[in-house]
């Protein structure tokens, strides 16, 4: 693809760290078309050589120097990757030297430690939270005594992916409750939610965007009708105001940002795994 800037997230582990950092960097640049690719588990010379070949091929295809966001820790593999001629952005390098000076010791270059299974209690917490999110999805189970947060909103406003993100990345037990037509016509908080008011957070969405999402799920249905979407959103937002429930629009907001704001608003202090 000529004119497209290829960006590679290269890691000796899952590549999640490299991709997260890289994505945050790329969002700072407008008007440039990026083609991104994650190359994970580059933990041998053979895999590094394969990655180099792919990076060079991308440069030949586009005519532009690729960018590599790199979290590989092995210096020999790093040297081989650098020989690709791409712009190398070592995600760890700016921080390692200051930390070594401050802590008084050199780093130990061990592969795959960022996402290794080293804390079994934390891992179990994430799994339990994920199971909780799945069993309490879309109002399937309305026993919320153990919930850390309950997301409330009309159908397809972003509740489920946000709950799963909170579970997987923070170990938060997040349930979600979809506001039905009956709930909205009642114009007050559903009875089953009232005793959990302190855990509630409302999600809303632009009706036009909601209609687009619903149209993909149930084409040409009343459920996906723009007037239906508009009426539901208006009623839900009125309920949130009346009940003094914190609310956020998901229309132009990433799941990461939604999750961060939910945690901050409800005073839930968890570190990301």
Protein backbone atom coordinates (compact mmCIF):
# COMPACT_ATOMS: atom_id res chain seq x y z
CA UNK A 1 0.00 0.00 0.00
CA UNK A 2 1.77 3.11 -1.23
CA UNK A 3 1.61 6.17 0.98
CA UNK A 4 0.65 4.17 4.06
CA UNK A 5 2.96 4.32 7.05
CA UNK A 6 3.44 0.84 8.46
CA UNK A 7 3.76 0.56 12.22
CA UNK A 8 4.86 -2.67 13.88
CA UNK A 9 4.41 -3.53 17.56
CA UNK A 10 7.17 -6.05 18.23
CA UNK A 11 7.51 -7.88 21.52
CA UNK A 12 9.04 -10.96 23.10
CA UNK A 13 5.73 -11.37 24.95
CA UNK A 14 2.12 -10.72 24.01
CA UNK A 15 2.79 -7.31 22.47
CA UNK A 16 -0.02 -5.72 24.47
CA UNK A 17 2.30 -3.19 26.12
CA UNK A 18 3.90 -2.18 22.81
CA UNK A 19 0.52 -1.87 21.11
CA UNK A 20 -0.99 0.17 23.93
CA UNK A 21 1.91 2.62 23.96
CA UNK A 22 2.07 2.75 20.18
CA UNK A 23 -1.64 3.37 19.77
CA UNK A 24 -1.47 6.23 22.28
CA UNK A 25 1.38 7.78 20.31
CA UNK A 26 -0.29 7.44 16.90
CA UNK A 27 -3.48 9.16 18.06
CA UNK A 28 -1.42 12.35 18.39
CA UNK A 29 -0.98 12.55 14.61
CA UNK A 30 -3.84 13.48 12.29
CA UNK A 31 -4.04 13.10 8.53
CA UNK A 32 -1.65 10.15 8.32
CA UNK A 33 -2.84 6.71 7.28
CA UNK A 34 -1.30 4.03 9.49
CA UNK A 35 -1.31 0.29 8.94
CA UNK A 36 -0.52 -1.43 12.22
CA UNK A 37 0.61 -4.98 12.88
CA UNK A 38 1.46 -6.72 16.14
CA UNK A 39 4.28 -9.29 16.02
CA UNK A 40 4.30 -11.14 19.34
CA UNK A 41 6.62 -13.66 21.03
CA UNK A 42 9.75 -12.63 19.14
CA UNK A 43 12.03 -14.56 21.49
CA UNK A 44 14.53 -16.19 19.11
CA UNK A 45 16.86 -15.17 16.29
CA UNK A 46 14.66 -17.01 13.79
CA UNK A 47 11.57 -15.08 14.84
CA UNK A 48 13.48 -11.81 14.83
CA UNK A 49 14.72 -12.51 11.30
CA UNK A 50 11.16 -13.24 10.20
CA UNK A 51 10.00 -9.95 11.73
CA UNK A 52 12.81 -8.07 9.96
CA UNK A 53 11.78 -9.59 6.63
CA UNK A 54 8.20 -8.48 7.16
CA UNK A 55 9.26 -4.96 8.14
CA UNK A 56 11.48 -4.61 5.07
CA UNK A 57 8.72 -5.92 2.79
CA UNK A 58 6.37 -3.27 4.18
CA UNK A 59 8.87 -0.54 3.36
CA UNK A 60 9.22 -1.81 -0.21
CA UNK A 61 5.45 -1.89 -0.63
CA UNK A 62 4.78 1.57 0.78
CA UNK A 63 7.94 3.47 -0.06
CA UNK A 64 7.98 4.82 3.47
CA UNK A 65 10.19 3.93 6.42
CA UNK A 66 8.27 1.73 8.88
CA UNK A 67 7.99 2.51 12.56
CA UNK A 68 8.67 -0.20 15.15
CA UNK A 69 7.45 0.15 18.74
CA UNK A 70 9.59 -2.39 20.50
CA UNK A 71 9.44 -4.07 23.91
CA UNK A 72 11.96 -6.85 23.20
CA UNK A 73 14.51 -6.98 26.02
CA UNK A 74 17.22 -9.23 24.54
CA UNK A 75 20.01 -6.94 23.19
CA UNK A 76 20.99 -9.38 20.40
CA UNK A 77 17.41 -9.54 19.14
CA UNK A 78 17.14 -5.78 19.40
CA UNK A 79 20.29 -5.34 17.31
CA UNK A 80 18.86 -7.63 14.64
CA UNK A 81 15.56 -5.74 14.58
CA UNK A 82 17.38 -2.43 14.28
CA UNK A 83 19.09 -3.76 11.14
CA UNK A 84 15.69 -3.62 9.42
CA UNK A 85 16.25 0.09 8.89
CA UNK A 86 12.94 1.03 10.52
CA UNK A 87 12.55 3.82 13.03
CA UNK A 88 13.00 1.94 16.30
CA UNK A 89 11.11 3.17 19.34
CA UNK A 90 12.20 1.21 22.41
CA UNK A 91 9.28 1.58 24.80
CA UNK A 92 11.45 0.79 27.85
CA UNK A 93 14.68 2.65 27.05
CA UNK A 94 13.69 6.15 28.31
CA UNK A 95 12.88 4.72 31.73
CA UNK A 96 15.51 2.05 32.31
CA UNK A 97 18.57 4.25 32.85
CA UNK A 98 16.88 6.59 35.37
CA UNK A 99 15.51 3.57 37.25
CA UNK A 100 18.90 1.85 37.31
CA UNK A 101 20.50 4.98 38.75
CA UNK A 102 17.75 5.46 41.31
CA UNK A 103 17.55 1.81 42.41
CA UNK A 104 21.29 1.18 42.29
CA UNK A 105 21.18 -1.96 40.16
CA UNK A 106 21.09 -3.01 36.53
CA UNK A 107 17.95 -4.42 35.04
CA UNK A 108 17.64 -8.14 34.41
CA UNK A 109 16.61 -8.66 30.80
CA UNK A 110 14.11 -11.46 31.22
CA UNK A 111 11.72 -12.24 28.43
CA UNK A 112 7.94 -11.97 28.84
CA UNK A 113 7.79 -10.75 32.43
CA UNK A 114 5.27 -7.97 31.82
CA UNK A 115 2.39 -10.38 31.25
CA UNK A 116 3.72 -13.52 32.87
CA UNK A 117 1.62 -15.50 35.30
CA UNK A 118 3.56 -14.45 38.40
CA UNK A 119 0.77 -13.35 40.75
CA UNK A 120 -1.73 -16.19 41.04
CA UNK A 121 -4.00 -14.24 43.40
CA UNK A 122 -4.26 -11.36 40.94
CA UNK A 123 -4.86 -13.76 38.08
CA UNK A 124 -7.65 -15.51 39.98
CA UNK A 125 -9.18 -12.12 40.77
CA UNK A 126 -9.32 -11.27 37.07
CA UNK A 127 -10.84 -14.64 36.16
CA UNK A 128 -13.46 -14.37 38.90
CA UNK A 129 -14.32 -10.83 37.83
CA UNK A 130 -14.63 -11.94 34.20
CA UNK A 131 -16.95 -14.79 35.15
CA UNK A 132 -18.97 -12.32 37.20
CA UNK A 133 -19.29 -9.94 34.25
CA UNK A 134 -20.45 -12.76 31.99
CA UNK A 135 -23.06 -14.12 34.41
CA UNK A 136 -24.35 -10.63 35.20
CA UNK A 137 -24.46 -9.45 31.60
CA UNK A 138 -27.58 -7.83 30.17
CA UNK A 139 -29.60 -8.32 33.34
CA UNK A 140 -29.28 -12.13 33.29
CA UNK A 141 -28.52 -12.21 37.02
CA UNK A 142 -29.78 -9.27 39.06
CA UNK A 143 -28.25 -10.22 42.41
CA UNK A 144 -25.77 -7.36 42.71
CA UNK A 145 -24.61 -7.59 46.32
CA UNK A 146 -21.07 -8.57 45.24
CA UNK A 147 -20.82 -6.07 42.38
CA UNK A 148 -18.24 -3.30 42.47
CA UNK A 149 -20.06 -1.36 39.76
CA UNK A 150 -23.34 -1.68 37.84
CA UNK A 151 -23.49 -0.04 34.43
CA UNK A 152 -26.97 1.11 33.43
CA UNK A 153 -28.14 2.19 29.99
CA UNK A 154 -30.25 1.41 26.97
CA UNK A 155 -29.43 -1.65 24.88
CA UNK A 156 -26.19 -1.34 22.83
CA UNK A 157 -24.82 1.68 24.68
CA UNK A 158 -21.51 -0.04 25.45
CA UNK A 159 -22.19 -1.72 28.77
CA UNK A 160 -20.96 -5.25 28.03
CA UNK A 161 -17.52 -4.43 26.52
CA UNK A 162 -16.87 -1.95 29.32
CA UNK A 163 -17.73 -4.55 31.98
CA UNK A 164 -15.41 -7.09 30.38
CA UNK A 165 -12.59 -4.54 30.12
CA UNK A 166 -12.97 -3.62 33.79
CA UNK A 167 -12.87 -7.31 34.72
CA UNK A 168 -9.92 -8.31 32.55
CA UNK A 169 -7.71 -5.29 33.23
CA UNK A 170 -8.67 -4.29 36.78
CA UNK A 171 -10.29 -7.35 38.35
CA UNK A 172 -13.44 -5.30 38.96
CA UNK A 173 -16.74 -7.16 39.36
CA UNK A 174 -18.89 -5.22 36.91
CA UNK A 175 -22.51 -6.02 36.15
CA UNK A 176 -24.75 -4.32 33.65
CA UNK A 177 -28.45 -3.63 33.58
CA UNK A 178 -30.22 -2.82 30.28
CA UNK A 179 -33.06 -0.33 30.65
CA UNK A 180 -36.16 -1.86 29.08
CA UNK A 181 -39.14 -0.03 27.62
CA UNK A 182 -41.03 -0.79 30.84
CA UNK A 183 -38.21 0.68 32.93
CA UNK A 184 -38.13 3.83 30.83
CA UNK A 185 -41.90 4.26 30.86
CA UNK A 186 -41.81 4.03 34.67
CA UNK A 187 -39.55 7.13 34.70
CA UNK A 188 -37.86 6.10 37.91
CA UNK A 189 -35.01 3.85 38.91
CA UNK A 190 -36.00 0.16 38.63
CA UNK A 191 -36.76 -1.30 42.05
CA UNK A 192 -34.03 -3.95 41.85
CA UNK A 193 -31.39 -1.23 41.44
CA UNK A 194 -32.44 1.11 44.23
CA UNK A 195 -30.50 -0.48 47.07
CA UNK A 196 -27.36 -0.46 44.92
CA UNK A 197 -27.53 3.24 44.04
CA UNK A 198 -23.93 3.91 45.13
CA UNK A 199 -22.67 1.36 42.57
CA UNK A 200 -24.59 2.73 39.59
CA UNK A 201 -23.06 4.47 36.59
CA UNK A 202 -25.07 5.46 33.54
CA UNK A 203 -23.95 5.10 29.93
CA UNK A 204 -25.65 7.04 27.16
CA UNK A 205 -25.01 7.39 23.43
CA UNK A 206 -25.96 9.61 20.50
CA UNK A 207 -29.24 8.26 19.03
CA UNK A 208 -27.90 8.32 15.46
CA UNK A 209 -24.90 6.21 16.46
CA UNK A 210 -27.16 3.91 18.47
CA UNK A 211 -29.38 3.43 15.43
CA UNK A 212 -26.36 2.46 13.33
CA UNK A 213 -25.26 -0.14 15.89
CA UNK A 214 -28.74 -1.60 16.28
CA UNK A 215 -29.27 -1.67 12.52
CA UNK A 216 -26.29 -4.01 12.22
CA UNK A 217 -27.80 -6.30 14.86
CA UNK A 218 -31.48 -6.24 13.79
CA UNK A 219 -31.84 -4.57 10.39
CA UNK A 220 -35.02 -2.59 9.68
CA UNK A 221 -36.61 -3.47 13.02
CA UNK A 222 -38.49 -1.23 15.43
CA UNK A 223 -35.56 -1.83 17.79
CA UNK A 224 -33.25 -0.13 15.25
CA UNK A 225 -35.64 2.67 14.28
CA UNK A 226 -34.14 6.13 14.80
CA UNK A 227 -37.20 7.44 16.60
CA UNK A 228 -37.14 4.46 18.96
CA UNK A 229 -33.46 5.07 19.68
CA UNK A 230 -34.03 8.78 20.24
CA UNK A 231 -36.96 8.21 22.59
CA UNK A 232 -35.07 5.62 24.65
CA UNK A 233 -31.97 7.81 25.01
CA UNK A 234 -34.03 10.85 26.03
CA UNK A 235 -35.92 8.82 28.65
CA UNK A 236 -32.75 7.20 30.02
CA UNK A 237 -30.93 10.52 30.33
CA UNK A 238 -33.94 12.03 32.09
CA UNK A 239 -33.88 9.13 34.56
CA UNK A 240 -30.17 9.61 35.21
CA UNK A 241 -30.71 13.31 35.94
CA UNK A 242 -33.71 12.67 38.16
CA UNK A 243 -31.92 9.96 40.15
CA UNK A 244 -28.61 11.88 40.25
CA UNK A 245 -26.70 8.99 38.64
CA UNK A 246 -23.31 9.85 37.10
CA UNK A 247 -23.43 9.43 33.34
CA UNK A 248 -21.05 9.40 30.39
CA UNK A 249 -21.64 9.37 26.64
CA UNK A 250 -19.90 6.49 24.87
CA UNK A 251 -20.39 7.95 21.39
CA UNK A 252 -16.82 9.16 20.91
CA UNK A 253 -15.22 7.63 23.99
CA UNK A 254 -12.90 4.61 24.03
CA UNK A 255 -13.53 1.69 26.37
CA UNK A 256 -10.28 2.53 28.16
CA UNK A 257 -11.46 6.08 28.85
CA UNK A 258 -14.95 4.97 29.86
CA UNK A 259 -13.46 2.48 32.32
CA UNK A 260 -11.09 5.05 33.80
CA UNK A 261 -13.89 7.55 34.34
CA UNK A 262 -16.17 4.92 35.89
CA UNK A 263 -13.48 3.92 38.38
CA UNK A 264 -12.64 7.54 39.23
CA UNK A 265 -16.27 8.60 39.64
CA UNK A 266 -17.15 5.68 41.91
CA UNK A 267 -13.90 5.90 43.89
CA UNK A 268 -12.73 2.40 42.96
CA UNK A 269 -8.96 2.26 43.28
CA UNK A 270 -7.45 -0.65 41.33
CA UNK A 271 -4.19 -0.90 39.42
CA UNK A 272 -4.13 -2.26 35.91
CA UNK A 273 -2.88 -5.85 35.62
